[in-house]
C-alpha atoms as a PDB file:
ATOM      1  CA  MET A   1       9.185 -14.565  -6.272  1.00  0.00           C
ATOM      2  CA  ASN A   2      10.796 -15.530  -9.540  1.00  0.00           C
ATOM      3  CA  ASN A   3       8.181 -17.376 -11.572  1.00  0.00           C
ATOM      4  CA  THR A   4      10.696 -19.096 -13.844  1.00  0.00           C
ATOM      5  CA  LYS A   5      12.761 -20.297 -10.894  1.00  0.00           C
ATOM      6  CA  ILE A   6       9.719 -21.875  -9.233  1.00  0.00           C
ATOM      7  CA  ILE A   7       8.724 -23.640 -12.474  1.00  0.00           C
ATOM      8  CA  ILE A   8      12.280 -24.960 -12.914  1.00  0.00           C
ATOM      9  CA  GLN A   9      12.370 -26.176  -9.302  1.00  0.00           C
ATOM     10  CA  LEU A  10       9.006 -27.923  -9.609  1.00  0.00           C
ATOM     11  CA  GLN A  11       9.983 -29.563 -12.884  1.00  0.00           C
ATOM     12  CA  GLY A  12      13.555 -30.394 -11.951  1.00  0.00           C
ATOM     13  CA  GLY A  13      13.256 -32.320  -8.733  1.00  0.00           C
ATOM     14  CA  ASP A  14      13.775 -29.468  -6.264  1.00  0.00           C
ATOM     15  CA  GLN A  15      10.112 -29.442  -5.228  1.00  0.00           C
ATOM     16  CA  GLU A  16      10.853 -29.080  -1.535  1.00  0.00           C
ATOM     17  CA  ARG A  17      12.502 -25.682  -2.043  1.00  0.00           C
ATOM     18  CA  ALA A  18       9.721 -24.589  -4.390  1.00  0.00           C
ATOM     19  CA  PHE A  19       6.994 -25.653  -1.969  1.00  0.00           C
ATOM     20  CA  THR A  20       8.776 -23.853   0.871  1.00  0.00           C
ATOM     21  CA  ARG A  21       8.710 -20.666  -1.194  1.00  0.00           C
ATOM     22  CA  LEU A  22       5.077 -21.192  -2.168  1.00  0.00           C
ATOM     23  CA  TYR A  23       3.985 -21.609   1.464  1.00  0.00           C
ATOM     24  CA  LYS A  24       4.413 -17.856   1.908  1.00  0.00           C
ATOM     25  CA  TYR A  25       1.043 -17.572   0.094  1.00  0.00           C
ATOM     26  CA  PHE A  26      -0.711 -19.764   2.649  1.00  0.00           C
ATOM     27  CA  PRO A  27      -1.787 -16.819   4.867  1.00  0.00           C
ATOM     28  CA  LYS A  28      -3.743 -15.304   1.939  1.00  0.00           C
ATOM     29  CA  VAL A  29      -5.523 -18.581   1.291  1.00  0.00           C
ATOM     30  CA  GLU A  30      -6.108 -19.174   5.004  1.00  0.00           C
ATOM     31  CA  LYS A  31      -7.618 -15.699   5.414  1.00  0.00           C
ATOM     32  CA  HIS A  32      -9.967 -16.289   2.477  1.00  0.00           C
ATOM     33  CA  ILE A  33     -11.121 -19.629   3.846  1.00  0.00           C
ATOM     34  CA  LEU A  34     -11.549 -18.365   7.427  1.00  0.00           C
ATOM     35  CA  ILE A  35     -13.636 -15.439   6.179  1.00  0.00           C
ATOM     36  CA  ASN A  36     -15.762 -17.859   4.159  1.00  0.00           C
ATOM     37  CA  SER A  37     -16.865 -20.270   6.914  1.00  0.00           C
ATOM     38  CA  GLY A  38     -13.767 -22.448   7.022  1.00  0.00           C
ATOM     39  CA  SER A  39     -11.281 -23.590   9.639  1.00  0.00           C
ATOM     40  CA  LYS A  40      -7.489 -23.501   9.782  1.00  0.00           C
ATOM     41  CA  GLU A  41      -7.365 -27.254   9.136  1.00  0.00           C
ATOM     42  CA  GLU A  42      -9.572 -26.900   6.064  1.00  0.00           C
ATOM     43  CA  ALA A  43      -7.395 -24.037   4.845  1.00  0.00           C
ATOM     44  CA  LEU A  44      -4.300 -26.211   5.128  1.00  0.00           C
ATOM     45  CA  ASP A  45      -6.011 -29.098   3.307  1.00  0.00           C
ATOM     46  CA  ILE A  46      -7.185 -26.832   0.505  1.00  0.00           C
ATOM     47  CA  PHE A  47      -3.761 -25.207   0.198  1.00  0.00           C
ATOM     48  CA  GLN A  48      -2.058 -28.591  -0.044  1.00  0.00           C
ATOM     49  CA  ASP A  49      -4.572 -29.695  -2.686  1.00  0.00           C
ATOM     50  CA  GLY A  50      -3.803 -26.465  -4.555  1.00  0.00           C
ATOM     51  CA  LEU A  51      -0.082 -27.219  -4.396  1.00  0.00           C
ATOM     52  CA  ILE A  52      -0.669 -30.678  -5.856  1.00  0.00           C
ATOM     53  CA  ILE A  53      -2.737 -29.254  -8.714  1.00  0.00           C
ATOM     54  CA  LEU A  54      -0.091 -26.583  -9.336  1.00  0.00           C
ATOM     55  CA  TYR A  55       2.647 -29.211  -9.336  1.00  0.00           C
ATOM     56  CA  LYS A  56       0.790 -31.331 -11.906  1.00  0.00           C
ATOM     57  CA  LYS A  57       0.025 -28.338 -14.157  1.00  0.00           C
ATOM     58  CA  VAL A  58       3.587 -26.999 -14.040  1.00  0.00           C
ATOM     59  CA  GLN A  59       4.930 -30.276 -15.440  1.00  0.00           C
ATOM     60  CA  ASP A  60       3.336 -29.400 -18.805  1.00  0.00           C
ATOM     61  CA  LEU A  61       4.282 -25.707 -18.854  1.00  0.00           C
ATOM     62  CA  PRO A  62       7.288 -24.259 -20.653  1.00  0.00           C
ATOM     63  CA  VAL A  63       9.831 -22.673 -18.303  1.00  0.00           C
ATOM     64  CA  ASP A  64       9.089 -19.176 -19.664  1.00  0.00           C
ATOM     65  CA  SER A  65       5.316 -19.599 -19.319  1.00  0.00           C
ATOM     66  CA  PRO A  66       3.351 -16.371 -18.841  1.00  0.00           C
ATOM     67  CA  VAL A  67       1.298 -18.006 -16.076  1.00  0.00           C
ATOM     68  CA  LYS A  68       2.032 -16.451 -12.687  1.00  0.00           C
ATOM     69  CA  VAL A  69       2.510 -19.300 -10.255  1.00  0.00           C
ATOM     70  CA  ASP A  70       1.364 -17.362  -7.183  1.00  0.00           C
ATOM     71  CA  GLY A  71      -1.841 -16.118  -8.811  1.00  0.00           C
ATOM     72  CA  PHE A  72      -2.575 -19.565 -10.172  1.00  0.00           C
ATOM     73  CA  LEU A  73      -2.080 -21.160  -6.753  1.00  0.00           C
ATOM     74  CA  ILE A  74      -4.248 -18.645  -4.900  1.00  0.00           C
ATOM     75  CA  ASN A  75      -7.040 -18.746  -7.499  1.00  0.00           C
ATOM     76  CA  THR A  76      -6.962 -22.534  -7.578  1.00  0.00           C
ATOM     77  CA  CYS A  77      -7.321 -22.632  -3.787  1.00  0.00           C
ATOM     78  CA  LYS A  78     -10.251 -20.219  -3.949  1.00  0.00           C
ATOM     79  CA  LEU A  79     -11.933 -22.419  -6.560  1.00  0.00           C
ATOM     80  CA  LEU A  80     -11.284 -25.517  -4.485  1.00  0.00           C
ATOM     81  CA  TRP A  81     -12.813 -23.840  -1.443  1.00  0.00           C
ATOM     82  CA  SER A  82     -15.916 -22.640  -3.278  1.00  0.00           C
ATOM     83  CA  ASN A  83     -16.404 -26.156  -4.623  1.00  0.00           C
ATOM     84  CA  GLU A  84     -15.872 -27.565  -1.128  1.00  0.00           C
ATOM     85  CA  LEU A  85     -18.590 -25.248   0.182  1.00  0.00           C
ATOM     86  CA  ARG A  86     -20.936 -26.458  -2.567  1.00  0.00           C
ATOM     87  CA  LYS A  87     -20.202 -30.067  -1.633  1.00  0.00           C
ATOM     88  CA  LYS A  88     -20.873 -29.325   2.042  1.00  0.00           C
ATOM     89  CA  LYS A  89     -24.195 -27.776   1.092  1.00  0.00           C
ATOM     90  CA  VAL A  90     -25.142 -30.888  -0.897  1.00  0.00           C
ATOM     91  CA  ARG A  91     -24.162 -33.126   2.026  1.00  0.00           C
ATOM     92  CA  LYS A  92     -26.044 -30.936   4.488  1.00  0.00           C
ATOM     93  CA  ASN A  93     -29.208 -30.834   2.393  1.00  0.00           C
ATOM     94  CA  SER A  94     -29.198 -34.560   1.816  1.00  0.00           C
ATOM     95  CA  GLY A  95     -27.476 -37.352   3.650  1.00  0.00           C
ATOM     96  CA  GLU A  96     -27.349 -39.544   0.574  1.00  0.00           C
ATOM     97  CA  ASP A  97     -23.918 -40.685  -0.577  1.00  0.00           C
ATOM     98  CA  GLU A  98     -25.023 -40.703  -4.212  1.00  0.00           C
ATOM     99  CA  LEU A  99     -25.531 -36.955  -4.295  1.00  0.00           C
ATOM    100  CA  THR A 100     -22.157 -36.368  -2.697  1.00  0.00           C
ATOM    101  CA  GLU A 101     -20.523 -38.635  -5.255  1.00  0.00           C
ATOM    102  CA  VAL A 102     -22.238 -36.824  -8.139  1.00  0.00           C
ATOM    103  CA  ALA A 103     -21.163 -33.453  -6.721  1.00  0.00           C
ATOM    104  CA  SER A 104     -17.607 -34.716  -6.368  1.00  0.00           C
ATOM    105  CA  THR A 105     -17.513 -35.883 -10.000  1.00  0.00           C
ATOM    106  CA  GLN A 106     -18.977 -32.604 -11.194  1.00  0.00           C
ATOM    107  CA  PHE A 107     -16.455 -30.760  -9.039  1.00  0.00           C
ATOM    108  CA  THR A 108     -13.554 -32.514 -10.722  1.00  0.00           C
ATOM    109  CA  GLU A 109     -14.813 -31.761 -14.237  1.00  0.00           C
ATOM    110  CA  GLU A 110     -15.809 -28.154 -13.438  1.00  0.00           C
ATOM    111  CA  HIS A 111     -12.589 -27.597 -11.572  1.00  0.00           C
ATOM    112  CA  GLN A 112     -10.462 -28.762 -14.513  1.00  0.00           C
ATOM    113  CA  ASP A 113     -12.326 -26.464 -16.920  1.00  0.00           C
ATOM    114  CA  GLU A 114     -12.032 -23.504 -14.557  1.00  0.00           C
ATOM    115  CA  ILE A 115      -8.297 -24.049 -14.132  1.00  0.00           C
ATOM    116  CA  GLU A 116      -7.795 -24.246 -17.886  1.00  0.00           C
ATOM    117  CA  LEU A 117      -9.734 -20.983 -18.287  1.00  0.00           C
ATOM    118  CA  LEU A 118      -7.602 -19.357 -15.593  1.00  0.00           C
ATOM    119  CA  ILE A 119      -4.426 -20.383 -17.388  1.00  0.00           C
ATOM    120  CA  GLU A 120      -5.742 -19.008 -20.684  1.00  0.00           C
ATOM    121  CA  LYS A 121      -6.864 -15.720 -19.094  1.00  0.00           C
ATOM    122  CA  GLU A 122      -3.535 -15.300 -17.318  1.00  0.00           C
ATOM    123  CA  ALA A 123      -1.679 -15.819 -20.600  1.00  0.00           C
ATOM    124  CA  LYS A 124      -3.919 -13.308 -22.401  1.00  0.00           C
ATOM    125  CA  PHE A 125      -3.455 -10.682 -19.691  1.00  0.00           C
ATOM    126  CA  LYS A 126       0.293 -11.216 -19.800  1.00  0.00           C
ATOM    127  CA  THR A 127       0.267 -10.730 -23.595  1.00  0.00           C
ATOM    128  CA  ILE A 128      -1.821  -7.557 -23.311  1.00  0.00           C
ATOM    129  CA  ASP A 129       0.537  -6.254 -20.642  1.00  0.00           C
ATOM    130  CA  GLN A 130       3.561  -6.974 -22.847  1.00  0.00           C
ATOM    131  CA  VAL A 131       1.902  -5.291 -25.844  1.00  0.00           C
ATOM    132  CA  LEU A 132       0.993  -2.182 -23.855  1.00  0.00           C
ATOM    133  CA  THR A 133       4.543  -1.974 -22.531  1.00  0.00           C
ATOM    134  CA  LYS A 134       6.004  -2.113 -26.069  1.00  0.00           C
ATOM    135  CA  LEU A 135       3.397   0.194 -27.605  1.00  0.00           C
ATOM    136  CA  GLY A 136       4.317   3.858 -27.839  1.00  0.00           C
ATOM    137  CA  GLN A 137       2.906   6.145 -25.142  1.00  0.00           C
ATOM    138  CA  LYS A 138       0.676   8.078 -27.553  1.00  0.00           C
ATOM    139  CA  CYS A 139      -0.855   4.895 -28.988  1.00  0.00           C
ATOM    140  CA  LYS A 140      -1.240   3.416 -25.518  1.00  0.00           C
ATOM    141  CA  ASN A 141      -3.022   6.549 -24.253  1.00  0.00           C
ATOM    142  CA  MET A 142      -5.273   6.688 -27.318  1.00  0.00           C
ATOM    143  CA  LEU A 143      -6.327   3.040 -27.066  1.00  0.00           C
ATOM    144  CA  GLU A 144      -6.931   3.373 -23.328  1.00  0.00           C
ATOM    145  CA  ALA A 145      -9.060   6.477 -23.929  1.00  0.00           C
ATOM    146  CA  PHE A 146     -11.161   4.657 -26.531  1.00  0.00           C
ATOM    147  CA  TYR A 147     -11.454   1.157 -25.055  1.00  0.00           C
ATOM    148  CA  TYR A 148     -11.217   1.690 -21.296  1.00  0.00           C
ATOM    149  CA  LYS A 149     -12.529   5.212 -20.792  1.00  0.00           C
ATOM    150  CA  ASN A 150     -15.076   4.978 -23.642  1.00  0.00           C
ATOM    151  CA  PHE A 151     -14.184   8.389 -25.079  1.00  0.00           C
ATOM    152  CA  SER A 152     -15.844   9.298 -28.369  1.00  0.00           C
ATOM    153  CA  MET A 153     -13.590   9.735 -31.411  1.00  0.00           C
ATOM    154  CA  ASP A 154     -14.490  13.423 -31.387  1.00  0.00           C
ATOM    155  CA  LYS A 155     -13.241  13.774 -27.809  1.00  0.00           C
ATOM    156  CA  ILE A 156     -10.104  11.752 -28.636  1.00  0.00           C
ATOM    157  CA  ALA A 157      -9.373  13.973 -31.650  1.00  0.00           C
ATOM    158  CA  LYS A 158      -9.560  17.071 -29.463  1.00  0.00           C
ATOM    159  CA  LYS A 159      -7.606  15.545 -26.560  1.00  0.00           C
ATOM    160  CA  PHE A 160      -4.745  14.324 -28.735  1.00  0.00           C
ATOM    161  CA  GLY A 161      -4.627  17.396 -30.988  1.00  0.00           C
ATOM    162  CA  TYR A 162      -5.918  15.989 -34.283  1.00  0.00           C
ATOM    163  CA  LYS A 163      -7.564  18.461 -36.670  1.00  0.00           C
ATOM    164  CA  THR A 164     -10.269  16.023 -37.769  1.00  0.00           C
ATOM    165  CA  VAL A 165     -12.034  13.021 -36.322  1.00  0.00           C
ATOM    166  CA  GLN A 166     -11.005  11.034 -39.403  1.00  0.00           C
ATOM    167  CA  SER A 167      -7.294  11.591 -38.740  1.00  0.00           C
ATOM    168  CA  ALA A 168      -7.817  10.419 -35.133  1.00  0.00           C
ATOM    169  CA  LYS A 169      -9.629   7.303 -36.426  1.00  0.00           C
ATOM    170  CA  THR A 170      -6.754   6.616 -38.818  1.00  0.00           C
ATOM    171  CA  LYS A 171      -4.208   6.920 -36.002  1.00  0.00           C
ATOM    172  CA  LYS A 172      -6.301   4.650 -33.741  1.00  0.00           C
ATOM    173  CA  TYR A 173      -6.504   2.093 -36.551  1.00  0.00           C
ATOM    174  CA  LYS A 174      -2.714   2.191 -37.024  1.00  0.00           C
ATOM    175  CA  CYS A 175      -2.215   1.828 -33.275  1.00  0.00           C
ATOM    176  CA  MET A 176      -4.514  -1.208 -33.200  1.00  0.00           C
ATOM    177  CA  GLU A 177      -2.687  -2.783 -36.124  1.00  0.00           C
ATOM    178  CA  HIS A 178       0.626  -2.219 -34.361  1.00  0.00           C
ATOM    179  CA  ALA A 179      -0.798  -3.708 -31.140  1.00  0.00           C
ATOM    180  CA  ARG A 180      -2.115  -6.760 -33.035  1.00  0.00           C
ATOM    181  CA  ALA A 181       1.294  -7.282 -34.664  1.00  0.00           C
ATOM    182  CA  LEU A 182       2.993  -7.083 -31.249  1.00  0.00           C
ATOM    183  CA  ALA A 183       0.467  -9.529 -29.770  1.00  0.00           C
ATOM    184  CA  LYS A 184       0.991 -11.953 -32.641  1.00  0.00           C
ATOM    185  CA  GLU A 185       4.757 -11.676 -32.210  1.00  0.00           C
ATOM    186  CA  SER A 186       4.434 -12.219 -28.459  1.00  0.00           C
ATOM    187  CA  ASN A 187       2.229 -15.305 -28.984  1.00  0.00           C
ATOM    188  CA  LEU A 188       4.727 -16.771 -31.424  1.00  0.00           C
ATOM    189  CA  LYS A 189       7.526 -16.327 -28.874  1.00  0.00           C
ATOM    190  CA  ASN A 190       5.453 -17.980 -26.129  1.00  0.00           C
ATOM    191  CA  ASN A 191       4.543 -20.997 -28.279  1.00  0.00           C
END
């Protein structure tokens, strides 16, 4: 699904077409909810709530936003369901309306914070992905070896054919500087 097209449709008055396209993600949400003690009706309610939240959030996003609409929708629905389960637990443990009301208020505040964090994380991952795509293969491999595979600089020097550990450290430093510059450039374009 074209992310930009969905954002344009949601912002430009063609919501019906956008929602029709987004409903193809309902089976994923439904499966999650059914596995986690929910019903088909609850899955539909949660999905529709997720669509409403997505619609409201998209109104403030730029058309070329790095946020992936499908991931945002699915994660929002999962958050809504986990909060719904918490509310059910509160209602089950106590029949008092006050507790339910407190849980509902907390849900709204927590939910908003969690959604904001999801948007930020999605944007950061998109930036990292763009940087890694633009970074040369040797730099990409070196940074992955150091940061993801936790190789020592000695092992990296040997693997990449450097005569000394210091020259490998220098190359890693230059790669990081290049990656930072690309990330900064990418952030400027997105803002």
